[in-house]
N, C-alpha and C. Protein backbone atom coordinates (compact mmCIF):
# COMPACT_ATOMS: atom_id res chain seq x y z
N MET A 1 -24.00 35.43 72.47
CA MET A 1 -24.12 34.11 72.29
C MET A 1 -23.25 33.42 73.38
N GLU A 2 -24.15 32.56 74.03
CA GLU A 2 -23.60 31.92 74.81
C GLU A 2 -22.71 30.62 75.05
N ILE A 3 -21.64 30.44 75.65
CA ILE A 3 -20.99 29.50 75.40
C ILE A 3 -21.42 28.21 75.18
N ASN A 4 -22.36 27.73 76.29
CA ASN A 4 -23.37 26.57 75.77
C ASN A 4 -23.90 26.32 74.59
N ASN A 5 -24.33 27.22 73.94
CA ASN A 5 -24.62 27.11 72.43
C ASN A 5 -23.91 26.75 71.59
N ILE A 6 -22.79 27.33 71.78
CA ILE A 6 -21.44 27.34 70.58
C ILE A 6 -20.99 25.78 70.80
N GLY A 7 -21.28 24.96 71.83
CA GLY A 7 -20.64 23.86 72.17
C GLY A 7 -21.96 22.99 71.75
N ASN A 8 -23.14 22.84 71.85
CA ASN A 8 -24.04 22.57 70.99
C ASN A 8 -24.14 22.57 69.89
N ASN A 9 -23.86 23.57 69.41
CA ASN A 9 -23.49 23.63 67.76
C ASN A 9 -22.64 22.73 67.25
N ALA A 10 -21.33 22.99 68.08
CA ALA A 10 -20.27 22.15 67.76
C ALA A 10 -21.01 20.84 67.49
N GLY A 11 -21.54 20.15 68.31
CA GLY A 11 -21.94 19.06 68.47
C GLY A 11 -23.08 18.69 67.10
N VAL A 12 -23.78 19.60 66.59
CA VAL A 12 -24.28 19.66 65.35
C VAL A 12 -23.46 19.20 64.55
N ILE A 13 -22.37 20.18 64.04
CA ILE A 13 -21.47 19.96 62.97
C ILE A 13 -20.75 18.54 63.10
N TRP A 14 -20.62 18.33 64.28
CA TRP A 14 -19.94 16.79 64.55
C TRP A 14 -20.62 15.51 64.06
N ASN A 15 -21.90 15.72 64.39
CA ASN A 15 -23.03 14.73 64.39
C ASN A 15 -23.28 15.02 62.25
N VAL A 16 -23.47 15.98 61.71
CA VAL A 16 -23.38 15.88 60.48
C VAL A 16 -21.90 15.63 59.72
N LEU A 17 -21.02 15.71 59.99
CA LEU A 17 -19.73 14.94 59.57
C LEU A 17 -19.46 13.76 60.07
N ASN A 18 -19.96 12.92 61.27
CA ASN A 18 -19.69 12.05 61.51
C ASN A 18 -20.86 10.98 60.53
N ALA A 19 -22.14 11.49 59.93
CA ALA A 19 -23.12 11.01 59.18
C ALA A 19 -22.50 10.73 57.79
N ASN A 20 -22.08 11.94 57.63
CA ASN A 20 -21.52 12.18 56.15
C ASN A 20 -20.33 12.17 55.47
N GLY A 21 -19.19 11.98 56.44
CA GLY A 21 -18.04 12.43 55.95
C GLY A 21 -17.63 13.80 55.47
N LYS A 22 -16.27 13.57 54.88
CA LYS A 22 -16.06 14.80 54.04
C LYS A 22 -17.13 15.69 53.65
N MET A 23 -17.20 17.08 53.79
CA MET A 23 -18.07 17.77 53.21
C MET A 23 -17.35 19.12 52.95
N THR A 24 -18.02 19.66 51.67
CA THR A 24 -17.26 21.17 51.17
C THR A 24 -18.03 22.36 52.46
N GLU A 25 -17.05 23.40 52.82
CA GLU A 25 -17.82 24.38 53.86
C GLU A 25 -19.23 24.58 53.43
N SER A 26 -19.62 25.09 52.35
CA SER A 26 -21.03 25.41 52.19
C SER A 26 -22.32 24.12 52.45
N LYS A 27 -21.66 23.26 51.73
CA LYS A 27 -22.50 21.84 51.99
C LYS A 27 -22.96 21.82 53.32
N LEU A 28 -21.61 21.77 54.39
CA LEU A 28 -21.77 21.36 55.89
C LEU A 28 -22.40 22.55 56.55
N LYS A 29 -22.72 23.71 56.08
CA LYS A 29 -23.09 24.78 56.64
C LYS A 29 -24.75 24.85 56.13
N LYS A 30 -24.87 24.58 55.18
CA LYS A 30 -26.49 24.18 54.79
C LYS A 30 -27.13 23.25 55.49
N GLU A 31 -26.54 21.95 55.68
CA GLU A 31 -26.80 20.68 56.48
C GLU A 31 -26.58 20.98 57.72
N SER A 32 -25.93 21.91 58.32
CA SER A 32 -26.42 21.89 59.84
C SER A 32 -27.18 22.80 60.19
N GLY A 33 -27.51 23.52 59.20
CA GLY A 33 -28.74 24.32 59.75
C GLY A 33 -28.64 25.94 60.31
N LEU A 34 -27.27 26.03 60.56
CA LEU A 34 -26.84 27.10 61.51
C LEU A 34 -26.41 28.25 60.91
N GLY A 35 -26.78 29.37 61.52
CA GLY A 35 -26.54 30.68 60.85
C GLY A 35 -24.86 31.10 60.87
N SER A 36 -24.28 31.95 60.05
CA SER A 36 -22.85 32.35 59.68
C SER A 36 -22.13 32.57 61.11
N ALA A 37 -22.65 33.29 62.43
CA ALA A 37 -21.97 33.30 63.22
C ALA A 37 -21.81 31.81 64.37
N GLU A 38 -22.98 31.05 64.43
CA GLU A 38 -23.12 30.00 65.15
C GLU A 38 -22.21 29.15 64.32
N PHE A 39 -22.30 28.83 62.91
CA PHE A 39 -21.48 28.26 62.35
C PHE A 39 -19.96 28.32 62.63
N TYR A 40 -19.56 29.33 62.25
CA TYR A 40 -17.97 29.51 62.43
C TYR A 40 -17.39 29.61 63.84
N SER A 41 -18.25 29.76 64.83
CA SER A 41 -18.05 29.76 65.94
C SER A 41 -17.76 28.37 66.63
N ALA A 42 -18.80 27.38 66.17
CA ALA A 42 -18.63 26.22 66.52
C ALA A 42 -17.18 25.16 65.28
N LEU A 43 -17.36 25.56 64.55
CA LEU A 43 -15.94 25.08 63.65
C LEU A 43 -14.81 25.73 64.51
N GLY A 44 -14.53 26.79 65.08
CA GLY A 44 -13.36 26.94 65.98
C GLY A 44 -13.28 26.08 67.55
N TRP A 45 -14.32 25.66 67.84
CA TRP A 45 -14.85 25.07 69.04
C TRP A 45 -14.11 23.64 68.28
N LEU A 46 -14.43 23.16 67.49
CA LEU A 46 -14.15 21.82 67.05
C LEU A 46 -12.62 21.62 66.60
N ALA A 47 -12.23 22.99 65.93
CA ALA A 47 -10.58 23.00 65.73
C ALA A 47 -9.66 23.17 67.24
N ARG A 48 -10.22 23.93 68.01
CA ARG A 48 -9.71 24.17 69.14
C ARG A 48 -9.60 22.58 69.98
N GLU A 49 -10.62 21.57 70.08
CA GLU A 49 -10.54 20.47 70.39
C GLU A 49 -9.71 19.42 69.31
N GLY A 50 -9.27 19.99 68.34
CA GLY A 50 -8.45 18.92 67.46
C GLY A 50 -9.59 18.05 66.78
N LYS A 51 -10.54 18.09 66.83
CA LYS A 51 -11.49 17.19 66.00
C LYS A 51 -11.62 17.61 65.11
N LEU A 52 -11.29 18.52 63.92
CA LEU A 52 -11.46 19.21 62.72
C LEU A 52 -10.27 18.83 62.00
N ASN A 53 -10.61 18.71 60.95
CA ASN A 53 -9.62 18.45 59.71
C ASN A 53 -10.42 19.46 58.80
N ASN A 54 -9.29 20.61 58.11
CA ASN A 54 -9.63 20.95 56.95
C ASN A 54 -8.93 20.81 55.88
N GLU A 55 -9.24 20.69 54.61
CA GLU A 55 -8.59 20.78 53.41
C GLU A 55 -8.72 22.08 52.34
N VAL A 56 -7.69 22.44 51.85
CA VAL A 56 -8.15 23.24 50.58
C VAL A 56 -8.04 22.42 49.69
N GLU A 57 -8.97 22.89 48.61
CA GLU A 57 -8.40 21.95 47.19
C GLU A 57 -9.03 23.11 46.35
N VAL A 58 -7.63 23.51 44.97
CA VAL A 58 -7.79 24.31 44.20
C VAL A 58 -7.68 23.33 42.93
N LYS A 59 -8.89 24.09 42.00
CA LYS A 59 -9.18 23.47 40.69
C LYS A 59 -9.34 24.70 39.73
N GLY A 60 -8.21 24.83 39.22
CA GLY A 60 -8.16 26.07 37.88
C GLY A 60 -8.25 27.28 38.96
N SER A 61 -9.34 28.18 38.73
CA SER A 61 -9.80 29.23 39.29
C SER A 61 -10.44 29.08 40.69
N LYS A 62 -10.75 28.07 40.84
CA LYS A 62 -12.10 27.60 42.07
C LYS A 62 -11.21 27.34 43.29
N THR A 63 -11.78 27.63 44.32
CA THR A 63 -11.26 27.09 45.58
C THR A 63 -12.16 26.23 46.51
N CYS A 64 -12.13 25.01 46.86
CA CYS A 64 -13.18 24.50 47.49
C CYS A 64 -12.41 24.42 48.86
N GLU A 65 -13.20 24.53 49.89
CA GLU A 65 -12.35 24.50 51.36
C GLU A 65 -13.71 22.96 51.51
N TYR A 66 -12.89 21.85 52.22
CA TYR A 66 -13.53 20.58 52.89
C TYR A 66 -13.14 20.37 54.34
N TYR A 67 -14.03 19.93 54.98
CA TYR A 67 -14.05 19.59 56.71
C TYR A 67 -14.05 17.97 56.45
N SER A 68 -13.46 17.35 57.67
CA SER A 68 -13.87 16.21 57.87
C SER A 68 -13.45 16.27 59.58
N LEU A 69 -13.89 15.21 60.28
CA LEU A 69 -13.64 14.80 61.45
C LEU A 69 -12.10 13.93 61.60
N ASN A 70 -11.02 14.39 62.59
CA ASN A 70 -10.02 13.66 62.48
C ASN A 70 -10.23 12.33 63.02
N ALA A 71 -9.34 11.47 62.47
CA ALA A 71 -9.68 9.98 62.80
C ALA A 71 -9.21 9.56 63.96
């Protein structure tokens, strides 16, 4: 995977979050249309740049992970 592709995929995720706000990991992955390797590499890119907020919410036995853009 080329580094330019990771940056472009980070832009895809950024645009999805910018348009939709806080999203679950599964919904964000689906909306981005990226495969697993591309998706998680792009999340890492955004996290490294300090542009990503991550929240974990536990409801009973279910754990949901949410992503949003840092303000």
